[in-house]
Protein backbone atom coordinates (compact mmCIF):
# COMPACT_ATOMS: atom_id res chain seq x y z
CA MET A 1 12.18 -23.85 -28.61
CA HIS A 2 12.14 -20.26 -27.58
CA THR A 3 10.13 -18.54 -24.80
CA LEU A 4 8.73 -15.03 -25.29
CA THR A 5 6.40 -12.66 -23.57
CA VAL A 6 3.98 -11.23 -26.09
CA LYS A 7 1.80 -8.29 -25.56
CA VAL A 8 -1.25 -8.16 -27.95
CA GLN A 9 -3.43 -5.24 -28.32
CA ASP A 10 -7.09 -5.90 -27.56
CA SER A 11 -8.16 -4.95 -31.09
CA VAL A 12 -6.20 -7.88 -32.46
CA PHE A 13 -6.33 -10.30 -29.70
CA GLN A 14 -8.86 -12.70 -31.28
CA GLU A 15 -6.88 -12.58 -34.55
CA PHE A 16 -3.77 -13.41 -32.71
CA LEU A 17 -5.37 -16.37 -30.91
CA ASN A 18 -6.60 -17.65 -34.29
CA PHE A 19 -3.25 -17.56 -35.64
CA VAL A 20 -1.82 -19.40 -32.78
CA SER A 21 -4.57 -22.01 -32.83
CA LYS A 22 -3.89 -22.84 -36.52
CA ARG A 23 -0.25 -23.46 -35.53
CA LYS A 24 -0.69 -25.31 -32.29
CA GLU A 25 1.74 -28.03 -33.26
CA THR A 26 4.50 -25.49 -33.22
CA ILE A 27 3.26 -22.75 -30.95
CA GLU A 28 2.25 -23.39 -27.30
CA ILE A 29 0.58 -20.77 -25.08
CA GLU A 30 1.23 -21.13 -21.29
CA LYS A 31 -0.23 -18.65 -18.72
CA ASP A 32 2.36 -17.50 -16.24
CA LYS A 33 0.98 -17.98 -12.83
CA ASN A 34 3.47 -15.28 -11.35
CA LEU A 35 1.96 -12.66 -13.64
CA GLU A 36 -1.64 -13.75 -12.80
CA TYR A 37 -0.98 -13.03 -9.12
CA ASP A 38 1.09 -9.91 -9.43
CA PRO A 39 1.55 -8.27 -12.89
CA PHE A 40 4.76 -6.62 -11.74
CA PHE A 41 6.33 -9.82 -10.47
CA TYR A 42 9.35 -9.80 -12.67
CA GLU A 43 10.10 -6.15 -12.13
CA ARG A 44 9.83 -6.81 -8.30
CA LYS A 45 11.95 -9.84 -8.55
CA LYS A 46 14.62 -7.78 -10.42
CA GLN A 47 14.56 -5.11 -7.97
CA LEU A 48 14.81 -7.46 -4.99
CA GLN A 49 17.81 -9.21 -6.59
CA GLN A 50 19.52 -5.70 -6.91
CA ASP A 51 18.66 -4.95 -3.36
CA LEU A 52 20.08 -8.11 -2.11
CA GLU A 53 23.16 -7.73 -4.17
CA GLU A 54 23.75 -4.32 -2.81
CA ILE A 55 23.41 -5.57 0.78
CA ASP A 56 25.91 -8.37 0.10
CA ASN A 57 28.49 -6.04 -1.49
CA GLY A 58 28.02 -3.31 1.18
CA THR A 59 26.77 -0.48 -1.07
CA ALA A 60 23.21 -0.49 0.20
CA GLU A 61 22.48 2.71 2.28
CA MET A 62 21.60 1.48 5.91
CA LEU A 63 19.70 3.83 8.28
CA THR A 64 19.92 3.95 11.96
CA GLN A 65 16.43 3.40 13.67
CA GLU A 66 16.36 7.12 14.58
CA GLN A 67 17.06 8.08 10.83
CA TYR A 68 14.44 5.66 9.60
CA ASP A 69 11.85 7.21 12.05
CA ASN A 70 12.61 10.66 11.00
CA GLU A 71 12.38 9.80 7.22
CA MET A 72 9.11 8.08 7.82
CA ASN A 73 7.60 10.83 9.87
CA SER A 74 8.56 13.32 7.23
CA PHE A 75 7.13 11.17 4.43
CA PHE A 76 3.74 10.81 6.41
CA LYS A 77 3.65 14.59 6.96
CA GLU A 78 4.15 15.31 3.24
CA LEU A 79 1.36 12.87 2.41
CA LYS A 80 -1.02 14.50 4.83
CA LEU A 81 -0.16 17.87 3.50
CA LYS A 82 -0.65 16.67 -0.21
CA TYR A 83 -3.98 14.88 0.43
CA ALA A 84 -5.42 17.11 3.02
CA ASN A 85 -7.21 19.29 0.37
């Protein structure tokens, strides 16, 4: 058996369900709980794995507390300017 993620347009969703129901002996539909809670679960998981790998192999950029504070202050100032209007 193979497992796939299928995206079905709203306009043909019922037709898709009818097709699957006619073949319920050979096609099984299972809801992915991870995607119910977080639609971007697998993208976030992939990014986290990449981040952890970069930390482990020493290629992740690490900031000092002062650098981090400066970056965050700058970021919040930009947000205030952008959304002040």
